[in-house]
Amino acid sequence: MAKLETTTTPETKVNIAVFGKNGSAAPVVIEKELLVSKVKPGMIAQVVRVMLSNEHQGTVAVKDRSEVSGGGRKPWKQKGTGRARQGSIRSPQWVGGGVVHGPQNDKRKLTLPKSWSKKALVELLKQVIIEEALVLIEDFNLEKPKTAELVSALSSIKTKGKTLFILDKLDKVTFLSARNIPNLTLITWEGMNTLSLLRADTIVTKVSSFEKLKKILEDNNGK
C-alpha cells in the first residue's frame, strides 16, 4: 500500500517484476526520470479526505420535538402533583421524544480541482512502482467463466493482502471468474482512482498494459 506520509524518488531505474505460468520472467524497466515526485503528500491527503467524505451518503436525519408525532397535550397540570412540571411527552428528556441537535441530512459534496485528483493518482502510481507493489502478469485469455483458471493465472505472483487487478477492459467472463476470489478487486485503467490504489497491497496488470502505464507517467512528467 502506497504511503501518504512521504514521497520518494529512486536513485536509479526501477525494475517491475513480470510473472507467467512458468514463474518469473525478465523484468521491465522504468527510468527514474519518470518517477520523480512532483507533488507534496499534503495534496494527496486532501484528495483522499474529499473522496472519503463524498463516499458517505449523508442520509441520516432525526426528528426534533416539533416533528415527533403526539405530545400536544400537557401530561399533567403544572402544580399540585409533586412531580416535575412537563409541557409535552415529546420533550427531549422523554423516551420517544425529539432529539436535540441531532444529525440532519445536510451533507454537502466536497469538490477538488480535477488537476489535483489526476496529480494525486499519478503520484501514487509512482510510489506503487518504487515500493515494488506493482507486478506484471503475462497476457492470458479466459474463454469461459472459470475461477480456477484465473486463480492459476495469478498463482505465480503469490500476493499478500488485498490485490487490485487493473484491466484494459472489464469483460463479463473475467468478472464472473473473479467474483469468488477473496481479496481480489477488478478495475479498469479508466476507473482507477486514488482510493483504489491506497486500499490495495498489491497491484497487478497485464504485460500488454505496460505501455499504457508508461504513457501515463510520460504525459504527466514535469507537470
C-alpha atoms as a PDB file:
ATOM      1  CA  MET A   1       0.000   0.000   0.000  1.00  0.00           C
ATOM      2  CA  ALA A   2       1.420   3.353  -1.002  1.00  0.00           C
ATOM      3  CA  LYS A   3       2.200   5.671   1.897  1.00  0.00           C
ATOM      4  CA  LEU A   4       0.793   9.161   2.288  1.00  0.00           C
ATOM      5  CA  GLU A   5       3.374  10.375   4.777  1.00  0.00           C
ATOM      6  CA  THR A   6       6.311  10.591   2.401  1.00  0.00           C
ATOM      7  CA  THR A   7       7.049  10.531  -1.291  1.00  0.00           C
ATOM      8  CA  THR A   8      10.374   9.268  -2.543  1.00  0.00           C
ATOM      9  CA  THR A   9      12.337   9.397  -5.771  1.00  0.00           C
ATOM     10  CA  PRO A  10      14.550   6.433  -6.723  1.00  0.00           C
ATOM     11  CA  GLU A  11      18.255   6.961  -7.297  1.00  0.00           C
ATOM     12  CA  THR A  12      18.323   4.533 -10.217  1.00  0.00           C
ATOM     13  CA  LYS A  13      15.899   2.924 -12.623  1.00  0.00           C
ATOM     14  CA  VAL A  14      13.262   0.585 -11.181  1.00  0.00           C
ATOM     15  CA  ASN A  15      12.542  -2.945 -12.341  1.00  0.00           C
ATOM     16  CA  ILE A  16       8.947  -4.158 -12.442  1.00  0.00           C
ATOM     17  CA  ALA A  17       8.607  -7.891 -11.894  1.00  0.00           C
ATOM     18  CA  VAL A  18       6.919  -9.982 -14.591  1.00  0.00           C
ATOM     19  CA  PHE A  19       5.243 -13.314 -13.857  1.00  0.00           C
ATOM     20  CA  GLY A  20       3.821 -16.048 -16.049  1.00  0.00           C
ATOM     21  CA  LYS A  21       2.523 -19.580 -15.706  1.00  0.00           C
ATOM     22  CA  ASN A  22       6.101 -20.870 -15.581  1.00  0.00           C
ATOM     23  CA  GLY A  23       7.228 -18.445 -12.878  1.00  0.00           C
ATOM     24  CA  SER A  24       9.021 -15.138 -13.131  1.00  0.00           C
ATOM     25  CA  ALA A  25      10.277 -13.702 -16.405  1.00  0.00           C
ATOM     26  CA  ALA A  26      12.642 -10.890 -17.315  1.00  0.00           C
ATOM     27  CA  PRO A  27      11.531  -7.656 -15.610  1.00  0.00           C
ATOM     28  CA  VAL A  28      10.654  -4.472 -17.435  1.00  0.00           C
ATOM     29  CA  VAL A  29      12.384  -1.203 -16.616  1.00  0.00           C
ATOM     30  CA  ILE A  30      11.035   2.219 -15.665  1.00  0.00           C
ATOM     31  CA  GLU A  31      13.544   5.054 -15.871  1.00  0.00           C
ATOM     32  CA  LYS A  32      13.961   7.104 -12.700  1.00  0.00           C
ATOM     33  CA  GLU A  33      13.132  10.332 -14.567  1.00  0.00           C
ATOM     34  CA  LEU A  34       9.529   9.138 -14.867  1.00  0.00           C
ATOM     35  CA  LEU A  35       9.277   8.527 -11.121  1.00  0.00           C
ATOM     36  CA  VAL A  36      10.379  11.915  -9.822  1.00  0.00           C
ATOM     37  CA  SER A  37       7.970  13.177  -7.170  1.00  0.00           C
ATOM     38  CA  LYS A  38       6.085  16.293  -8.304  1.00  0.00           C
ATOM     39  CA  VAL A  39       3.538  16.887  -5.529  1.00  0.00           C
ATOM     40  CA  LYS A  40       3.504  17.170  -1.760  1.00  0.00           C
ATOM     41  CA  PRO A  41       1.957  14.440   0.423  1.00  0.00           C
ATOM     42  CA  GLY A  42      -0.467  17.044   1.772  1.00  0.00           C
ATOM     43  CA  MET A  43      -2.161  17.291  -1.618  1.00  0.00           C
ATOM     44  CA  ILE A  44      -2.675  13.533  -1.752  1.00  0.00           C
ATOM     45  CA  ALA A  45      -4.082  13.544   1.781  1.00  0.00           C
ATOM     46  CA  GLN A  46      -6.518  16.300   0.814  1.00  0.00           C
ATOM     47  CA  VAL A  47      -7.705  14.342  -2.227  1.00  0.00           C
ATOM     48  CA  VAL A  48      -8.228  11.252  -0.077  1.00  0.00           C
ATOM     49  CA  ARG A  49     -10.162  13.227   2.539  1.00  0.00           C
ATOM     50  CA  VAL A  50     -12.528  14.640  -0.080  1.00  0.00           C
ATOM     51  CA  MET A  51     -13.072  11.246  -1.724  1.00  0.00           C
ATOM     52  CA  LEU A  52     -13.785   9.524   1.601  1.00  0.00           C
ATOM     53  CA  SER A  53     -16.194  12.277   2.598  1.00  0.00           C
ATOM     54  CA  ASN A  54     -18.074  12.014  -0.682  1.00  0.00           C
ATOM     55  CA  GLU A  55     -18.432   8.248  -0.248  1.00  0.00           C
ATOM     56  CA  HIS A  56     -20.771   8.846   2.696  1.00  0.00           C
ATOM     57  CA  GLN A  57     -24.427   9.048   1.704  1.00  0.00           C
ATOM     58  CA  GLY A  58     -25.261  11.572   4.415  1.00  0.00           C
ATOM     59  CA  THR A  59     -28.915  10.494   4.509  1.00  0.00           C
ATOM     60  CA  VAL A  60     -29.201  10.175   8.295  1.00  0.00           C
ATOM     61  CA  ALA A  61     -31.756  12.509   9.886  1.00  0.00           C
ATOM     62  CA  VAL A  62     -33.525  12.584  13.261  1.00  0.00           C
ATOM     63  CA  LYS A  63     -36.689  14.358  14.390  1.00  0.00           C
ATOM     64  CA  ASP A  64     -36.734  17.218  16.840  1.00  0.00           C
ATOM     65  CA  ARG A  65     -39.637  17.840  19.234  1.00  0.00           C
ATOM     66  CA  SER A  66     -41.626  19.735  16.616  1.00  0.00           C
ATOM     67  CA  GLU A  67     -41.505  16.793  14.198  1.00  0.00           C
ATOM     68  CA  VAL A  68     -42.301  13.900  16.561  1.00  0.00           C
ATOM     69  CA  SER A  69     -45.971  12.903  16.494  1.00  0.00           C
ATOM     70  CA  GLY A  70     -48.107  13.243  19.633  1.00  0.00           C
ATOM     71  CA  GLY A  71     -47.470  15.190  22.787  1.00  0.00           C
ATOM     72  CA  GLY A  72     -49.820  18.040  22.036  1.00  0.00           C
ATOM     73  CA  ARG A  73     -51.489  17.797  25.440  1.00  0.00           C
ATOM     74  CA  LYS A  74     -49.799  18.743  28.683  1.00  0.00           C
ATOM     75  CA  PRO A  75     -49.255  15.405  30.511  1.00  0.00           C
ATOM     76  CA  TRP A  76     -50.363  16.738  33.899  1.00  0.00           C
ATOM     77  CA  LYS A  77     -51.221  20.009  35.467  1.00  0.00           C
ATOM     78  CA  GLN A  78     -48.483  22.459  36.318  1.00  0.00           C
ATOM     79  CA  LYS A  79     -48.778  22.363  40.096  1.00  0.00           C
ATOM     80  CA  GLY A  80     -50.027  20.140  42.868  1.00  0.00           C
ATOM     81  CA  THR A  81     -48.905  16.706  41.670  1.00  0.00           C
ATOM     82  CA  GLY A  82     -45.477  16.619  43.342  1.00  0.00           C
ATOM     83  CA  ARG A  83     -43.885  15.785  40.038  1.00  0.00           C
ATOM     84  CA  ALA A  84     -41.649  17.919  37.873  1.00  0.00           C
ATOM     85  CA  ARG A  85     -43.522  20.168  35.534  1.00  0.00           C
ATOM     86  CA  GLN A  86     -43.810  18.932  31.979  1.00  0.00           C
ATOM     87  CA  GLY A  87     -45.200  20.561  28.883  1.00  0.00           C
ATOM     88  CA  SER A  88     -45.161  17.640  26.439  1.00  0.00           C
ATOM     89  CA  ILE A  89     -44.334  13.937  26.382  1.00  0.00           C
ATOM     90  CA  ARG A  90     -42.315  14.644  23.247  1.00  0.00           C
ATOM     91  CA  SER A  91     -39.746  16.821  25.003  1.00  0.00           C
ATOM     92  CA  PRO A  92     -36.147  15.582  24.604  1.00  0.00           C
ATOM     93  CA  GLN A  93     -35.979  14.107  28.131  1.00  0.00           C
ATOM     94  CA  TRP A  94     -38.837  11.687  27.397  1.00  0.00           C
ATOM     95  CA  VAL A  95     -38.431   8.273  25.803  1.00  0.00           C
ATOM     96  CA  GLY A  96     -39.722   8.701  22.272  1.00  0.00           C
ATOM     97  CA  GLY A  97     -39.222  12.431  22.439  1.00  0.00           C
ATOM     98  CA  GLY A  98     -37.444  14.642  19.957  1.00  0.00           C
ATOM     99  CA  VAL A  99     -33.658  14.776  19.649  1.00  0.00           C
ATOM    100  CA  VAL A 100     -31.742  17.939  20.440  1.00  0.00           C
ATOM    101  CA  HIS A 101     -29.062  18.987  17.926  1.00  0.00           C
ATOM    102  CA  GLY A 102     -29.225  15.610  16.177  1.00  0.00           C
ATOM    103  CA  PRO A 103     -27.769  14.869  12.729  1.00  0.00           C
ATOM    104  CA  GLN A 104     -29.687  16.105   9.705  1.00  0.00           C
ATOM    105  CA  ASN A 105     -29.471  15.400   6.005  1.00  0.00           C
ATOM    106  CA  ASP A 106     -27.362  18.467   5.334  1.00  0.00           C
ATOM    107  CA  LYS A 107     -24.225  16.833   3.907  1.00  0.00           C
ATOM    108  CA  ARG A 108     -22.603  18.817   1.134  1.00  0.00           C
ATOM    109  CA  LYS A 109     -20.472  17.238  -1.556  1.00  0.00           C
ATOM    110  CA  LEU A 110     -16.869  18.388  -1.450  1.00  0.00           C
ATOM    111  CA  THR A 111     -15.076  19.279  -4.653  1.00  0.00           C
ATOM    112  CA  LEU A 112     -11.490  19.481  -5.831  1.00  0.00           C
ATOM    113  CA  PRO A 113      -9.752  20.778  -8.936  1.00  0.00           C
ATOM    114  CA  LYS A 114      -9.585  17.961 -11.487  1.00  0.00           C
ATOM    115  CA  SER A 115      -5.849  18.517 -11.774  1.00  0.00           C
ATOM    116  CA  TRP A 116      -5.423  17.655  -8.072  1.00  0.00           C
ATOM    117  CA  SER A 117      -7.125  14.283  -8.468  1.00  0.00           C
ATOM    118  CA  LYS A 118      -5.024  13.486 -11.527  1.00  0.00           C
ATOM    119  CA  LYS A 119      -1.759  14.540  -9.884  1.00  0.00           C
ATOM    120  CA  ALA A 120      -2.525  12.504  -6.757  1.00  0.00           C
ATOM    121  CA  LEU A 121      -3.301   9.417  -8.842  1.00  0.00           C
ATOM    122  CA  VAL A 122      -0.099   9.702 -10.886  1.00  0.00           C
ATOM    123  CA  GLU A 123       1.956  10.296  -7.734  1.00  0.00           C
ATOM    124  CA  LEU A 124       0.539   7.173  -6.108  1.00  0.00           C
ATOM    125  CA  LEU A 125       1.286   5.166  -9.247  1.00  0.00           C
ATOM    126  CA  LYS A 126       4.905   6.281  -8.941  1.00  0.00           C
ATOM    127  CA  GLN A 127       5.041   5.265  -5.281  1.00  0.00           C
ATOM    128  CA  VAL A 128       3.481   1.886  -6.045  1.00  0.00           C
ATOM    129  CA  ILE A 129       6.223   1.242  -8.616  1.00  0.00           C
ATOM    130  CA  ILE A 130       9.011   2.467  -6.317  1.00  0.00           C
ATOM    131  CA  GLU A 131       7.761   0.291  -3.451  1.00  0.00           C
ATOM    132  CA  GLU A 132       7.635  -2.704  -5.842  1.00  0.00           C
ATOM    133  CA  ALA A 133       3.939  -3.191  -5.125  1.00  0.00           C
ATOM    134  CA  LEU A 134       3.172  -3.317  -8.863  1.00  0.00           C
ATOM    135  CA  VAL A 135       3.722  -6.545 -10.780  1.00  0.00           C
ATOM    136  CA  LEU A 136       3.011  -7.533 -14.366  1.00  0.00           C
ATOM    137  CA  ILE A 137       1.471 -10.785 -15.478  1.00  0.00           C
ATOM    138  CA  GLU A 138       1.775 -12.339 -18.912  1.00  0.00           C
ATOM    139  CA  ASP A 139      -1.323 -11.969 -21.057  1.00  0.00           C
ATOM    140  CA  PHE A 140      -3.944 -14.703 -20.862  1.00  0.00           C
ATOM    141  CA  ASN A 141      -7.459 -15.210 -22.185  1.00  0.00           C
ATOM    142  CA  LEU A 142     -10.396 -16.825 -20.426  1.00  0.00           C
ATOM    143  CA  GLU A 143     -12.764 -18.497 -22.878  1.00  0.00           C
ATOM    144  CA  LYS A 144     -15.470 -19.094 -20.288  1.00  0.00           C
ATOM    145  CA  PRO A 145     -16.100 -18.111 -16.662  1.00  0.00           C
ATOM    146  CA  LYS A 146     -13.935 -20.345 -14.515  1.00  0.00           C
ATOM    147  CA  THR A 147     -12.461 -19.246 -11.208  1.00  0.00           C
ATOM    148  CA  ALA A 148      -9.820 -21.986 -11.195  1.00  0.00           C
ATOM    149  CA  GLU A 149      -8.276 -20.736 -14.438  1.00  0.00           C
ATOM    150  CA  LEU A 150      -7.967 -17.177 -13.140  1.00  0.00           C
ATOM    151  CA  VAL A 151      -6.523 -18.428  -9.850  1.00  0.00           C
ATOM    152  CA  SER A 152      -3.992 -20.461 -11.823  1.00  0.00           C
ATOM    153  CA  ALA A 153      -3.014 -17.426 -13.885  1.00  0.00           C
ATOM    154  CA  LEU A 154      -2.461 -15.358 -10.741  1.00  0.00           C
ATOM    155  CA  SER A 155      -0.897 -18.114  -8.614  1.00  0.00           C
ATOM    156  CA  SER A 156       2.702 -17.347  -9.619  1.00  0.00           C
ATOM    157  CA  ILE A 157       2.502 -13.848  -8.119  1.00  0.00           C
ATOM    158  CA  LYS A 158       1.935 -15.053  -4.526  1.00  0.00           C
ATOM    159  CA  THR A 159       0.235 -11.858  -3.478  1.00  0.00           C
ATOM    160  CA  LYS A 160      -0.463 -10.951   0.133  1.00  0.00           C
ATOM    161  CA  GLY A 161      -3.420  -8.975   1.388  1.00  0.00           C
ATOM    162  CA  LYS A 162      -5.716  -7.136  -0.991  1.00  0.00           C
ATOM    163  CA  THR A 163      -4.958  -7.341  -4.704  1.00  0.00           C
ATOM    164  CA  LEU A 164      -6.067  -4.846  -7.343  1.00  0.00           C
ATOM    165  CA  PHE A 165      -6.128  -6.203 -10.899  1.00  0.00           C
ATOM    166  CA  ILE A 166      -6.125  -3.372 -13.464  1.00  0.00           C
ATOM    167  CA  LEU A 167      -7.534  -4.329 -16.860  1.00  0.00           C
ATOM    168  CA  ASP A 168      -7.831  -2.551 -20.198  1.00  0.00           C
ATOM    169  CA  LYS A 169     -11.438  -3.692 -20.375  1.00  0.00           C
ATOM    170  CA  LEU A 170     -13.599  -5.487 -17.828  1.00  0.00           C
ATOM    171  CA  ASP A 171     -15.413  -8.241 -19.704  1.00  0.00           C
ATOM    172  CA  LYS A 172     -18.142 -10.471 -18.329  1.00  0.00           C
ATOM    173  CA  VAL A 173     -16.038 -13.653 -18.407  1.00  0.00           C
ATOM    174  CA  THR A 174     -13.257 -12.163 -16.273  1.00  0.00           C
ATOM    175  CA  PHE A 175     -15.754 -10.567 -13.888  1.00  0.00           C
ATOM    176  CA  LEU A 176     -17.591 -13.845 -13.278  1.00  0.00           C
ATOM    177  CA  SER A 177     -14.301 -15.720 -12.871  1.00  0.00           C
ATOM    178  CA  ALA A 178     -13.005 -13.282 -10.248  1.00  0.00           C
ATOM    179  CA  ARG A 179     -16.041 -12.590  -8.088  1.00  0.00           C
ATOM    180  CA  ASN A 180     -15.458 -15.580  -5.780  1.00  0.00           C
ATOM    181  CA  ILE A 181     -11.739 -14.937  -5.265  1.00  0.00           C
ATOM    182  CA  PRO A 182     -11.228 -13.306  -1.852  1.00  0.00           C
ATOM    183  CA  ASN A 183      -9.324 -10.006  -1.605  1.00  0.00           C
ATOM    184  CA  LEU A 184      -9.266  -9.560  -5.400  1.00  0.00           C
ATOM    185  CA  THR A 185     -10.721  -6.420  -6.966  1.00  0.00           C
ATOM    186  CA  LEU A 186     -11.028  -5.806 -10.694  1.00  0.00           C
ATOM    187  CA  ILE A 187     -10.872  -2.319 -12.144  1.00  0.00           C
ATOM    188  CA  THR A 188     -10.133  -0.680 -15.486  1.00  0.00           C
ATOM    189  CA  TRP A 189      -7.484   1.950 -16.146  1.00  0.00           C
ATOM    190  CA  GLU A 190     -10.248   4.481 -16.729  1.00  0.00           C
ATOM    191  CA  GLY A 191     -11.989   3.556 -13.463  1.00  0.00           C
ATOM    192  CA  MET A 192      -8.835   3.544 -11.338  1.00  0.00           C
ATOM    193  CA  ASN A 193      -8.613   6.244  -8.671  1.00  0.00           C
ATOM    194  CA  THR A 194      -6.525   7.278  -5.685  1.00  0.00           C
ATOM    195  CA  LEU A 195      -8.545   5.285  -3.154  1.00  0.00           C
ATOM    196  CA  SER A 196      -8.419   2.073  -5.186  1.00  0.00           C
ATOM    197  CA  LEU A 197      -4.605   2.227  -5.181  1.00  0.00           C
ATOM    198  CA  LEU A 198      -4.372   3.052  -1.484  1.00  0.00           C
ATOM    199  CA  ARG A 199      -6.663   0.203  -0.472  1.00  0.00           C
ATOM    200  CA  ALA A 200      -4.603  -2.432  -2.302  1.00  0.00           C
ATOM    201  CA  ASP A 201      -1.479  -4.174  -1.044  1.00  0.00           C
ATOM    202  CA  THR A 202      -0.525  -5.475  -4.494  1.00  0.00           C
ATOM    203  CA  ILE A 203      -1.404  -4.031  -7.897  1.00  0.00           C
ATOM    204  CA  VAL A 204      -1.424  -6.398 -10.864  1.00  0.00           C
ATOM    205  CA  THR A 205      -1.781  -5.640 -14.549  1.00  0.00           C
ATOM    206  CA  LYS A 206      -1.021  -7.432 -17.789  1.00  0.00           C
ATOM    207  CA  VAL A 207       2.232  -7.006 -19.699  1.00  0.00           C
ATOM    208  CA  SER A 208       0.235  -5.594 -22.605  1.00  0.00           C
ATOM    209  CA  SER A 209      -0.817  -2.705 -20.337  1.00  0.00           C
ATOM    210  CA  PHE A 210       2.749  -1.655 -19.561  1.00  0.00           C
ATOM    211  CA  GLU A 211       2.869   0.827 -22.435  1.00  0.00           C
ATOM    212  CA  LYS A 212      -0.346   2.417 -21.173  1.00  0.00           C
ATOM    213  CA  LEU A 213       1.188   2.765 -17.711  1.00  0.00           C
ATOM    214  CA  LYS A 214       4.370   4.244 -19.152  1.00  0.00           C
ATOM    215  CA  LYS A 215       2.376   6.716 -21.253  1.00  0.00           C
ATOM    216  CA  ILE A 216       0.508   7.931 -18.157  1.00  0.00           C
ATOM    217  CA  LEU A 217       3.835   8.651 -16.469  1.00  0.00           C
ATOM    218  CA  GLU A 218       5.315  10.288 -19.577  1.00  0.00           C
ATOM    219  CA  ASP A 219       2.276  12.503 -20.185  1.00  0.00           C
ATOM    220  CA  ASN A 220       2.415  13.794 -16.617  1.00  0.00           C
ATOM    221  CA  ASN A 221       6.179  14.039 -16.294  1.00  0.00           C
ATOM    222  CA  GLY A 222       7.191  17.546 -15.304  1.00  0.00           C
ATOM    223  CA  LYS A 223       3.631  18.685 -14.589  1.00  0.00           C
END
